[in-house]
Protein backbone atom coordinates (compact mmCIF):
# COMPACT_ATOMS: atom_id res chain seq x y z
CA MET A 1 -31.65 -56.05 47.95
CA ASP A 2 -35.33 -55.26 48.36
CA THR A 3 -35.15 -56.28 52.05
CA GLN A 4 -32.14 -54.02 52.66
CA SER A 5 -33.76 -51.10 50.91
CA SER A 6 -36.92 -51.53 52.90
CA GLN A 7 -34.92 -51.66 56.14
CA ILE A 8 -33.05 -48.53 55.15
CA SER A 9 -36.25 -46.69 54.23
CA SER A 10 -37.94 -47.77 57.47
CA SER A 11 -34.93 -46.62 59.55
CA GLN A 12 -34.91 -43.31 57.66
CA GLY A 13 -38.62 -42.95 58.33
CA PHE A 14 -38.11 -43.67 62.01
CA THR A 15 -35.27 -41.10 62.20
CA ASP A 16 -37.36 -38.51 60.38
CA GLY A 17 -40.23 -39.18 62.76
CA GLN A 18 -37.94 -38.64 65.75
CA ASN A 19 -36.60 -35.42 64.25
CA SER A 20 -40.05 -34.09 63.45
CA ALA A 21 -41.24 -34.99 66.96
CA ALA A 22 -38.28 -33.18 68.50
CA LYS A 23 -38.96 -30.16 66.26
CA GLU A 24 -42.65 -30.17 67.24
CA SER A 25 -41.71 -30.25 70.98
CA LYS A 26 -39.32 -27.32 70.48
CA LEU A 27 -41.90 -25.47 68.52
CA SER A 28 -44.54 -26.09 71.18
CA VAL A 29 -42.30 -24.52 73.87
CA ASN A 30 -41.61 -21.61 71.53
CA ASP A 31 -45.33 -21.20 70.90
CA LEU A 32 -46.06 -21.28 74.61
CA ILE A 33 -43.68 -18.46 75.54
CA HIS A 34 -44.85 -16.42 72.52
CA TRP A 35 -48.54 -16.89 73.48
CA ARG A 36 -49.57 -18.40 70.12
CA ASP A 37 -52.37 -20.12 71.99
CA PRO A 38 -53.37 -17.86 74.89
CA LYS A 39 -55.31 -20.54 76.70
CA LYS A 40 -52.46 -23.06 76.79
CA SER A 41 -49.87 -20.40 77.58
CA GLY A 42 -52.04 -19.06 80.36
CA VAL A 43 -52.48 -22.52 81.92
CA VAL A 44 -48.78 -23.31 81.77
CA PHE A 45 -47.81 -19.88 83.09
CA GLY A 46 -50.41 -20.03 85.86
CA LEU A 47 -49.47 -23.50 87.02
CA SER A 48 -45.73 -22.83 86.95
CA LEU A 49 -46.20 -19.57 88.89
CA LEU A 50 -48.51 -21.27 91.38
CA LEU A 51 -45.95 -24.00 91.92
CA LEU A 52 -43.13 -21.51 92.52
CA LEU A 53 -45.24 -19.43 94.84
CA SER A 54 -46.14 -22.56 96.80
CA LEU A 55 -42.44 -23.42 97.09
CA ALA A 56 -41.83 -19.89 98.36
CA ALA A 57 -44.45 -20.26 101.10
CA PHE A 58 -43.96 -23.91 102.03
CA SER A 59 -41.15 -26.48 102.00
CA VAL A 60 -40.49 -28.70 99.01
CA ILE A 61 -41.63 -31.76 101.00
CA SER A 62 -44.96 -30.09 101.85
CA VAL A 63 -45.63 -28.98 98.25
CA VAL A 64 -44.80 -32.41 96.79
CA SER A 65 -46.90 -34.12 99.52
CA TYR A 66 -49.92 -31.90 98.88
CA LEU A 67 -49.68 -32.37 95.13
CA LEU A 68 -49.49 -36.16 95.41
CA LEU A 69 -52.31 -36.14 98.01
CA ALA A 70 -54.51 -34.07 95.70
CA LEU A 71 -53.78 -36.47 92.82
CA LEU A 72 -54.62 -39.48 95.00
CA CYS A 73 -57.88 -37.86 96.12
CA VAL A 74 -58.92 -37.33 92.48
CA THR A 75 -58.02 -40.84 91.33
CA ILE A 76 -59.55 -42.59 94.40
CA THR A 77 -62.75 -40.56 94.13
CA PHE A 78 -63.07 -41.32 90.42
CA ARG A 79 -62.34 -45.01 91.08
CA ILE A 80 -65.10 -45.22 93.72
CA TYR A 81 -67.53 -43.25 91.56
CA LYS A 82 -67.01 -45.59 88.58
CA SER A 83 -67.37 -48.65 90.81
CA VAL A 84 -70.68 -47.37 92.16
CA VAL A 85 -71.94 -46.55 88.65
CA GLN A 86 -70.93 -50.00 87.38
CA ALA A 87 -72.64 -51.67 90.35
CA VAL A 88 -75.88 -49.73 89.80
CA GLN A 89 -75.88 -50.22 86.04
CA LYS A 90 -74.54 -53.77 86.39
CA SER A 91 -72.00 -53.15 83.69
CA THR A 92 -68.71 -54.91 83.14
CA GLU A 93 -66.54 -52.05 82.04
CA GLY A 94 -63.78 -53.04 84.47
CA HIS A 95 -61.13 -50.84 85.99
CA PRO A 96 -61.51 -47.12 84.84
CA PHE A 97 -57.72 -46.79 84.57
CA LYS A 98 -57.14 -50.10 82.85
CA GLU A 99 -55.64 -48.59 79.67
CA LEU A 100 -53.25 -46.43 81.74
CA ILE A 101 -52.27 -49.38 83.95
CA GLU A 102 -51.46 -51.56 80.95
CA LYS A 103 -49.47 -48.79 79.29
CA ASP A 104 -45.74 -49.35 79.36
CA VAL A 105 -44.13 -46.47 81.32
CA SER A 106 -40.67 -47.97 81.54
CA ILE A 107 -37.74 -46.03 80.09
CA PRO A 108 -35.96 -47.80 77.21
CA PRO A 109 -32.27 -48.46 77.93
CA GLU A 110 -31.29 -46.71 74.66
CA THR A 111 -33.11 -43.53 75.62
CA PHE A 112 -31.57 -43.59 79.12
CA ARG A 113 -28.05 -44.11 77.78
CA LYS A 114 -28.58 -41.39 75.18
CA HIS A 115 -29.58 -38.85 77.85
CA VAL A 116 -26.74 -39.98 80.14
CA ASP A 117 -24.22 -39.51 77.31
CA THR A 118 -25.63 -36.09 76.49
CA SER A 119 -25.52 -35.03 80.17
CA LEU A 120 -21.94 -36.32 80.51
CA THR A 121 -20.88 -34.29 77.51
CA HIS A 122 -22.32 -31.12 79.07
CA ILE A 123 -20.79 -31.90 82.48
CA ASN A 124 -17.34 -32.46 80.99
CA ARG A 125 -17.61 -29.25 79.01
CA ALA A 126 -18.64 -27.33 82.12
CA LEU A 127 -15.78 -28.81 84.16
CA LYS A 128 -13.31 -27.93 81.47
CA GLN A 129 -14.64 -24.35 81.34
CA MET A 130 -14.48 -24.04 85.14
CA SER A 131 -10.92 -25.30 85.19
CA ARG A 132 -10.02 -22.75 82.49
CA LEU A 133 -11.64 -19.88 84.36
CA PHE A 134 -10.51 -20.62 87.91
CA LEU A 135 -6.94 -21.48 86.90
CA VAL A 136 -6.80 -18.18 84.97
CA GLU A 137 -5.91 -19.51 81.56
CA ASP A 138 -7.28 -16.24 80.15
CA LEU A 139 -7.06 -13.27 82.54
CA VAL A 140 -9.88 -11.32 80.85
CA ASP A 141 -12.37 -14.20 81.04
CA SER A 142 -11.50 -14.85 84.69
CA LEU A 143 -12.06 -11.15 85.48
CA LYS A 144 -15.40 -11.33 83.74
CA LEU A 145 -16.41 -14.22 85.97
CA ALA A 146 -15.22 -12.37 89.04
CA VAL A 147 -17.36 -9.33 88.13
CA VAL A 148 -20.40 -11.53 87.53
CA MET A 149 -19.88 -13.31 90.88
CA TRP A 150 -19.46 -9.94 92.60
CA MET A 151 -22.73 -8.72 91.09
CA LEU A 152 -24.48 -11.93 92.12
CA THR A 153 -23.53 -11.30 95.75
CA TYR A 154 -25.72 -8.20 95.66
CA VAL A 155 -28.47 -10.08 93.89
CA GLY A 156 -28.34 -12.80 96.53
CA ALA A 157 -28.54 -10.19 99.28
CA VAL A 158 -31.87 -8.96 97.87
CA PHE A 159 -33.46 -12.12 96.44
CA ASN A 160 -33.42 -15.74 97.35
CA GLY A 161 -33.40 -18.63 94.85
CA ILE A 162 -37.17 -19.05 94.70
CA THR A 163 -37.72 -15.32 94.13
CA ILE A 164 -35.26 -15.39 91.22
CA LEU A 165 -37.07 -18.38 89.75
CA ILE A 166 -40.41 -16.59 90.05
CA LEU A 167 -38.98 -13.51 88.31
CA ALA A 168 -37.44 -15.71 85.65
CA ASP A 169 -40.76 -17.45 85.03
CA ILE A 170 -42.54 -14.13 84.68
CA LEU A 171 -39.85 -12.77 82.35
CA LEU A 172 -39.92 -15.99 80.31
CA PHE A 173 -43.56 -15.44 79.45
CA ALA A 174 -43.48 -11.63 79.34
CA VAL A 175 -40.33 -10.75 77.37
CA PRO A 176 -40.83 -12.80 74.12
CA PRO A 177 -44.14 -11.16 73.10
CA VAL A 178 -42.81 -7.70 73.99
CA TYR A 179 -39.61 -8.35 72.01
CA GLU A 180 -41.64 -9.68 69.07
CA LYS A 181 -43.71 -6.45 68.93
CA ASN A 182 -40.68 -4.14 69.30
CA LYS A 183 -37.94 -6.19 67.68
CA THR A 184 -36.39 -3.42 65.58
CA GLN A 185 -35.98 -0.89 68.40
CA ILE A 186 -34.77 -3.47 70.89
CA ASP A 187 -32.20 -4.88 68.44
CA HIS A 188 -30.93 -1.39 67.80
CA TYR A 189 -30.24 -0.72 71.51
CA ILE A 190 -28.78 -4.21 71.99
CA ASP A 191 -26.31 -3.54 69.16
CA LEU A 192 -25.30 -0.24 70.79
CA VAL A 193 -24.71 -1.97 74.14
CA ARG A 194 -22.79 -4.81 72.54
CA THR A 195 -20.54 -2.39 70.64
CA GLN A 196 -19.85 -0.41 73.84
CA VAL A 197 -19.04 -3.61 75.78
CA ASN A 198 -16.78 -4.92 73.01
CA ASN A 199 -14.90 -1.58 72.89
CA THR A 200 -14.42 -1.64 76.69
CA ILE A 201 -13.18 -5.22 76.64
CA ALA A 202 -10.79 -4.40 73.78
CA LYS A 203 -9.35 -1.49 75.77
CA LEU A 204 -8.91 -3.69 78.81
CA GLN A 205 -7.19 -6.39 76.79
CA GLU A 206 -4.71 -3.85 75.49
CA LYS A 207 -3.75 -2.87 79.07
CA LEU A 208 -3.55 -6.43 80.51
CA PRO A 209 -0.21 -8.22 79.94
CA GLY A 210 -1.77 -11.66 79.85
CA ALA A 211 -4.23 -10.61 77.14
CA MET A 212 -1.39 -9.03 75.11
CA LYS A 213 0.53 -12.25 75.06
CA ARG A 214 -2.56 -14.21 74.10
CA SER A 215 -3.39 -11.84 71.20
CA LYS A 216 0.18 -12.08 69.88
CA THR A 217 0.14 -15.87 69.91
CA GLU A 218 -3.22 -15.90 68.13
C-alpha cells in the first residue's frame, strides 16, 4: 500500500510539474508580447523582425546558410581560443563544449507520439471543416469563406507572404500593450462592431432558404 501511494504521489507530482512548466511557458510568451520585461521582449522582437527582413531580402537557403555559418564561426573560434588558453596554461579542462556534447538531445518517443496525435487531431478537424465549407453544408458559412477569400485576393495583390508575416510580427508586439492601456474603449467599439455584424448575418439568414431550413431544424 505504501509503495502504491508513493507511486501515485510521484506520478501526480510529475504531472503537476509538467502542467506548471506548460503554464510557465505560456505565461512567458504572454509576458513577451505584453513587454513585462522590455529587454527580453526587445531582443525577441528584434531577432524575429531581423529574421523576417532577411527572408524578404534573401532566399530561405541563403538565410539558413548564413545563420549556420555564423554559428559555426562562433563555436570554432571559441574552441580554438580555449585550446590555445589550455595549452598556454597547461590545464586539463578538456573540451569546452563537453557538457553540451554529453547532454541528451534525443526526442523521447512518448513526446513525439503525443505531438503527432495532437497534430493529427487538428488536421482531421481542419479537413472536416473544409469539407463542410466547400460542400456547402451551411450556405451562410460558405458565403463567409467566399467573402474572406475574395478579400484575401486584394491583400495578396498588395502584399506577399513575407510582408504579411512582418506586419503580423509588428502587430503581435504592438497591439497587446496598446489594448492593455485602452481596454475599456477598445472593448466598447468591438462590441458595437460585433453587434452590427451579428445583425447583418441574422438578416442574411432570414433571406437565404438554406439558412431558413437549418434554423427550423435546430
